[in-house]
């Protein structure tokens, strides 16, 4: 499913990834994505690390305001950056199909 935000088209591949990788494999991929975007010294995703590393995810065309908006959207504790839990939560929220199946995924993940 594709969605459009500020002229940027996002294709939701998460449901296919879960299907192919399983819950544990998908969670590992989310963790890898977080590691790719985070500031290595701070251990969180900052505006600077997101701006510097977002091209790895094909987001090089996003404006500074779009990147700040992404951080604000996921920043649950108000510290201006994303820890791994906030990042993972944001990724789930951005995938409508995964949100529909999130209860099943959570139950499966808790049994691992």
N, C-alpha and C. Protein backbone atom coordinates (compact mmCIF):
# COMPACT_ATOMS: atom_id res chain seq x y z
N UNK A 1 0.84 -1.17 0.00
CA UNK A 1 0.00 0.00 0.00
C UNK A 1 0.89 1.24 0.00
N UNK A 2 0.67 2.17 -0.91
CA UNK A 2 1.44 3.40 -1.00
C UNK A 2 0.66 4.53 -0.35
N UNK A 3 1.37 5.40 0.35
CA UNK A 3 0.74 6.60 0.89
C UNK A 3 1.61 7.79 0.52
N UNK A 4 1.01 8.96 0.47
CA UNK A 4 1.71 10.17 0.05
C UNK A 4 1.75 11.14 1.22
N UNK A 5 2.93 11.70 1.48
CA UNK A 5 3.10 12.69 2.53
C UNK A 5 4.01 13.78 2.02
N UNK A 6 3.50 15.00 1.94
CA UNK A 6 4.28 16.14 1.46
C UNK A 6 4.96 15.85 0.13
N UNK A 7 4.29 15.17 -0.77
CA UNK A 7 4.85 14.89 -2.08
C UNK A 7 5.76 13.68 -2.12
N UNK A 8 6.04 13.07 -0.97
CA UNK A 8 6.89 11.88 -0.92
C UNK A 8 5.99 10.67 -0.85
N UNK A 9 6.22 9.68 -1.71
CA UNK A 9 5.41 8.47 -1.73
C UNK A 9 6.11 7.40 -0.90
N UNK A 10 5.37 6.85 0.06
CA UNK A 10 5.89 5.78 0.90
C UNK A 10 5.19 4.48 0.54
N UNK A 11 5.95 3.47 0.25
CA UNK A 11 5.41 2.15 -0.04
C UNK A 11 5.54 1.31 1.23
N UNK A 12 4.47 0.75 1.69
CA UNK A 12 4.47 -0.03 2.94
C UNK A 12 4.84 -1.48 2.66
N UNK A 13 6.10 -1.80 2.86
CA UNK A 13 6.59 -3.16 2.66
C UNK A 13 6.63 -3.96 3.96
N UNK A 14 6.27 -3.33 5.08
CA UNK A 14 6.38 -4.02 6.36
C UNK A 14 5.57 -5.30 6.44
N UNK A 15 4.32 -5.32 5.99
CA UNK A 15 3.56 -6.58 6.07
C UNK A 15 4.24 -7.71 5.30
N UNK A 16 4.79 -7.41 4.13
CA UNK A 16 5.50 -8.43 3.35
C UNK A 16 6.76 -8.88 4.08
N UNK A 17 7.46 -7.93 4.71
CA UNK A 17 8.66 -8.28 5.47
C UNK A 17 8.33 -9.21 6.63
N UNK A 18 7.25 -8.91 7.33
CA UNK A 18 6.84 -9.76 8.46
C UNK A 18 6.52 -11.16 7.95
N UNK A 19 5.81 -11.21 6.84
CA UNK A 19 5.43 -12.50 6.27
C UNK A 19 6.67 -13.32 5.89
N UNK A 20 7.66 -12.67 5.29
CA UNK A 20 8.85 -13.39 4.82
C UNK A 20 9.86 -13.66 5.92
N UNK A 21 10.03 -12.70 6.85
CA UNK A 21 11.06 -12.82 7.88
C UNK A 21 10.56 -13.40 9.19
N UNK A 22 9.25 -13.37 9.40
CA UNK A 22 8.70 -13.74 10.70
C UNK A 22 8.86 -12.57 11.66
N UNK A 23 8.21 -12.66 12.79
CA UNK A 23 8.23 -11.56 13.75
C UNK A 23 9.63 -11.27 14.25
N UNK A 24 10.37 -12.29 14.62
CA UNK A 24 11.71 -12.08 15.16
C UNK A 24 12.63 -11.45 14.11
N UNK A 25 12.59 -11.94 12.89
CA UNK A 25 13.41 -11.39 11.82
C UNK A 25 13.04 -9.95 11.51
N UNK A 26 11.74 -9.66 11.52
CA UNK A 26 11.30 -8.29 11.26
C UNK A 26 11.78 -7.35 12.35
N UNK A 27 11.66 -7.77 13.61
CA UNK A 27 12.12 -6.92 14.71
C UNK A 27 13.62 -6.67 14.61
N UNK A 28 14.37 -7.66 14.16
CA UNK A 28 15.81 -7.48 13.96
C UNK A 28 16.07 -6.45 12.87
N UNK A 29 15.28 -6.49 11.80
CA UNK A 29 15.43 -5.51 10.72
C UNK A 29 15.09 -4.10 11.21
N UNK A 30 14.08 -3.97 12.06
CA UNK A 30 13.78 -2.66 12.64
C UNK A 30 14.96 -2.17 13.47
N UNK A 31 15.54 -3.07 14.24
CA UNK A 31 16.71 -2.72 15.04
C UNK A 31 17.88 -2.30 14.15
N UNK A 32 18.06 -3.00 13.05
CA UNK A 32 19.13 -2.63 12.10
C UNK A 32 18.87 -1.25 11.52
N UNK A 33 17.61 -0.96 11.19
CA UNK A 33 17.25 0.36 10.67
C UNK A 33 17.53 1.46 11.68
N UNK A 34 17.20 1.18 12.93
CA UNK A 34 17.49 2.15 14.00
C UNK A 34 19.00 2.39 14.08
N UNK A 35 19.77 1.32 14.07
CA UNK A 35 21.23 1.45 14.17
C UNK A 35 21.80 2.26 13.02
N UNK A 36 21.22 2.09 11.85
CA UNK A 36 21.67 2.81 10.67
C UNK A 36 21.44 4.31 10.81
N UNK A 37 20.35 4.70 11.46
CA UNK A 37 19.98 6.11 11.56
C UNK A 37 20.48 6.80 12.83
N UNK A 38 20.89 6.05 13.82
CA UNK A 38 21.22 6.66 15.11
C UNK A 38 22.59 7.34 15.12
N UNK A 39 22.74 8.23 16.06
CA UNK A 39 24.02 8.85 16.37
C UNK A 39 24.80 7.84 17.20
N UNK A 40 25.93 7.38 16.69
CA UNK A 40 26.70 6.32 17.35
C UNK A 40 27.17 6.67 18.75
N UNK A 41 27.42 7.94 19.00
CA UNK A 41 27.89 8.35 20.32
C UNK A 41 26.75 8.48 21.32
N UNK A 42 25.60 8.95 20.85
CA UNK A 42 24.47 9.20 21.75
C UNK A 42 23.54 8.00 21.88
N UNK A 43 23.56 7.09 20.90
CA UNK A 43 22.73 5.90 20.96
C UNK A 43 21.26 6.16 20.67
N UNK A 44 20.94 7.32 20.09
CA UNK A 44 19.58 7.69 19.72
C UNK A 44 19.61 8.34 18.34
N UNK A 45 18.44 8.44 17.72
CA UNK A 45 18.33 9.15 16.45
C UNK A 45 18.10 10.62 16.76
N UNK A 46 19.04 11.46 16.34
CA UNK A 46 18.92 12.90 16.49
C UNK A 46 18.57 13.50 15.14
N UNK A 47 18.22 14.77 15.12
CA UNK A 47 17.96 15.43 13.84
C UNK A 47 19.19 15.32 12.94
N UNK A 48 20.35 15.57 13.50
CA UNK A 48 21.59 15.54 12.72
C UNK A 48 21.87 14.14 12.17
N UNK A 49 21.68 13.11 12.98
CA UNK A 49 21.96 11.75 12.49
C UNK A 49 20.92 11.33 11.46
N UNK A 50 19.66 11.75 11.65
CA UNK A 50 18.62 11.43 10.67
C UNK A 50 18.92 12.12 9.34
N UNK A 51 19.31 13.37 9.40
CA UNK A 51 19.63 14.12 8.18
C UNK A 51 20.83 13.50 7.47
N UNK A 52 21.84 13.15 8.23
CA UNK A 52 23.07 12.58 7.67
C UNK A 52 22.84 11.19 7.06
N UNK A 53 22.00 10.38 7.69
CA UNK A 53 21.88 8.98 7.30
C UNK A 53 20.59 8.63 6.55
N UNK A 54 19.68 9.57 6.40
CA UNK A 54 18.39 9.25 5.79
C UNK A 54 18.52 8.84 4.32
N UNK A 55 19.56 9.26 3.64
CA UNK A 55 19.75 8.88 2.23
C UNK A 55 19.89 7.36 2.09
N UNK A 56 20.40 6.70 3.12
CA UNK A 56 20.52 5.24 3.07
C UNK A 56 19.16 4.56 2.92
N UNK A 57 18.11 5.26 3.33
CA UNK A 57 16.76 4.72 3.25
C UNK A 57 15.96 5.33 2.10
N UNK A 58 16.65 6.06 1.22
CA UNK A 58 15.99 6.66 0.07
C UNK A 58 15.22 7.92 0.41
N UNK A 59 15.55 8.58 1.51
CA UNK A 59 14.84 9.77 1.95
C UNK A 59 15.64 11.04 1.72
N UNK A 60 16.59 11.02 0.80
CA UNK A 60 17.48 12.16 0.60
C UNK A 60 16.76 13.42 0.14
N UNK A 61 15.57 13.32 -0.41
CA UNK A 61 14.84 14.48 -0.89
C UNK A 61 14.01 15.19 0.16
N UNK A 62 14.03 14.72 1.39
CA UNK A 62 13.18 15.31 2.43
C UNK A 62 13.80 16.59 2.97
N UNK A 63 12.95 17.57 3.24
CA UNK A 63 13.42 18.85 3.78
C UNK A 63 13.75 18.70 5.27
N UNK A 64 14.47 19.69 5.79
CA UNK A 64 14.77 19.69 7.22
C UNK A 64 13.48 19.68 8.04
N UNK A 65 12.47 20.41 7.58
CA UNK A 65 11.20 20.44 8.31
C UNK A 65 10.52 19.08 8.30
N UNK A 66 10.58 18.36 7.18
CA UNK A 66 10.01 17.01 7.12
C UNK A 66 10.72 16.09 8.10
N UNK A 67 12.04 16.19 8.17
CA UNK A 67 12.81 15.35 9.10
C UNK A 67 12.47 15.70 10.55
N UNK A 68 12.36 16.99 10.84
CA UNK A 68 11.98 17.40 12.20
C UNK A 68 10.58 16.90 12.55
N UNK A 69 9.70 16.94 11.57
CA UNK A 69 8.33 16.45 11.77
C UNK A 69 8.34 14.95 12.10
N UNK A 70 9.19 14.19 11.40
CA UNK A 70 9.31 12.76 11.69
C UNK A 70 9.77 12.55 13.13
N UNK A 71 10.76 13.33 13.56
CA UNK A 71 11.24 13.20 14.94
C UNK A 71 10.14 13.55 15.94
N UNK A 72 9.43 14.64 15.69
CA UNK A 72 8.36 15.04 16.61
C UNK A 72 7.27 13.97 16.68
N UNK A 73 6.95 13.38 15.53
CA UNK A 73 5.90 12.36 15.46
C UNK A 73 6.22 11.16 16.36
N UNK A 74 7.48 10.79 16.41
CA UNK A 74 7.85 9.60 17.17
C UNK A 74 8.37 9.86 18.56
N UNK A 75 8.66 11.12 18.90
CA UNK A 75 9.29 11.46 20.17
C UNK A 75 8.26 11.43 21.30
N UNK A 76 8.15 10.30 21.94
CA UNK A 76 7.14 10.11 22.98
C UNK A 76 7.51 10.74 24.32
N UNK A 77 8.81 10.85 24.60
CA UNK A 77 9.21 11.39 25.90
C UNK A 77 9.64 12.86 25.84
N UNK A 78 9.57 13.48 24.66
CA UNK A 78 9.83 14.90 24.53
C UNK A 78 11.28 15.33 24.61
N UNK A 79 12.21 14.41 24.42
CA UNK A 79 13.63 14.78 24.52
C UNK A 79 14.23 15.24 23.18
N UNK A 80 13.42 15.26 22.12
CA UNK A 80 13.90 15.76 20.84
C UNK A 80 14.62 14.74 19.96
N UNK A 81 14.66 13.50 20.41
CA UNK A 81 15.29 12.44 19.62
C UNK A 81 14.50 11.14 19.82
N UNK A 82 14.89 10.12 19.08
CA UNK A 82 14.18 8.84 19.15
C UNK A 82 15.08 7.75 19.70
N UNK A 83 14.64 7.07 20.76
CA UNK A 83 15.33 5.88 21.19
C UNK A 83 14.78 4.71 20.37
N UNK A 84 15.31 3.53 20.57
CA UNK A 84 14.91 2.40 19.73
C UNK A 84 13.43 2.04 19.89
N UNK A 85 12.90 2.14 21.07
CA UNK A 85 11.49 1.83 21.29
C UNK A 85 10.59 2.85 20.57
N UNK A 86 10.94 4.13 20.67
CA UNK A 86 10.16 5.16 19.99
C UNK A 86 10.22 4.96 18.47
N UNK A 87 11.40 4.63 17.96
CA UNK A 87 11.56 4.39 16.52
C UNK A 87 10.69 3.22 16.08
N UNK A 88 10.75 2.12 16.81
CA UNK A 88 9.96 0.93 16.44
C UNK A 88 8.47 1.22 16.51
N UNK A 89 8.05 1.94 17.55
CA UNK A 89 6.64 2.31 17.69
C UNK A 89 6.19 3.17 16.52
N UNK A 90 7.02 4.13 16.14
CA UNK A 90 6.69 5.00 15.00
C UNK A 90 6.57 4.19 13.72
N UNK A 91 7.48 3.26 13.50
CA UNK A 91 7.43 2.45 12.28
C UNK A 91 6.13 1.63 12.22
N UNK A 92 5.71 1.08 13.36
CA UNK A 92 4.44 0.34 13.40
C UNK A 92 3.27 1.27 13.11
N UNK A 93 3.29 2.46 13.71
CA UNK A 93 2.18 3.40 13.51
C UNK A 93 2.09 3.86 12.06
N UNK A 94 3.20 3.92 11.36
CA UNK A 94 3.20 4.37 9.97
C UNK A 94 2.76 3.29 8.99
N UNK A 95 2.57 2.08 9.48
CA UNK A 95 2.15 0.98 8.62
C UNK A 95 0.71 0.59 8.96
N UNK A 96 -0.27 1.08 8.19
CA UNK A 96 -1.67 0.79 8.51
C UNK A 96 -1.98 -0.70 8.59
N UNK A 97 -1.40 -1.48 7.70
CA UNK A 97 -1.68 -2.92 7.70
C UNK A 97 -1.09 -3.60 8.93
N UNK A 98 0.11 -3.17 9.33
CA UNK A 98 0.69 -3.74 10.54
C UNK A 98 -0.11 -3.37 11.77
N UNK A 99 -0.63 -2.16 11.80
CA UNK A 99 -1.45 -1.76 12.95
C UNK A 99 -2.66 -2.66 13.08
N UNK A 100 -3.23 -3.09 11.96
CA UNK A 100 -4.38 -3.98 12.00
C UNK A 100 -4.00 -5.33 12.59
N UNK A 101 -2.77 -5.75 12.35
CA UNK A 101 -2.33 -7.05 12.82
C UNK A 101 -1.43 -6.96 14.05
N UNK A 102 -1.33 -5.78 14.66
CA UNK A 102 -0.35 -5.57 15.73
C UNK A 102 -0.61 -6.45 16.95
N UNK A 103 -1.85 -6.73 17.27
CA UNK A 103 -2.14 -7.57 18.43
C UNK A 103 -1.55 -8.97 18.23
N UNK A 104 -1.74 -9.53 17.04
CA UNK A 104 -1.20 -10.85 16.77
C UNK A 104 0.33 -10.83 16.82
N UNK A 105 0.94 -9.78 16.25
CA UNK A 105 2.41 -9.68 16.26
C UNK A 105 2.94 -9.53 17.68
N UNK A 106 2.25 -8.73 18.50
CA UNK A 106 2.68 -8.54 19.87
C UNK A 106 2.61 -9.84 20.64
N UNK A 107 1.53 -10.58 20.48
CA UNK A 107 1.39 -11.85 21.17
C UNK A 107 2.48 -12.82 20.74
N UNK A 108 2.79 -12.85 19.45
CA UNK A 108 3.85 -13.74 18.95
C UNK A 108 5.20 -13.31 19.50
N UNK A 109 5.48 -12.00 19.49
CA UNK A 109 6.76 -11.48 19.97
C UNK A 109 6.95 -11.79 21.45
N UNK A 110 5.89 -11.71 22.24
CA UNK A 110 6.00 -11.96 23.67
C UNK A 110 6.27 -13.41 23.99
N UNK A 111 6.00 -14.30 23.06
CA UNK A 111 6.25 -15.72 23.31
C UNK A 111 7.66 -16.13 22.91
N UNK A 112 8.43 -15.20 22.30
CA UNK A 112 9.81 -15.53 21.86
C UNK A 112 10.75 -15.57 23.02
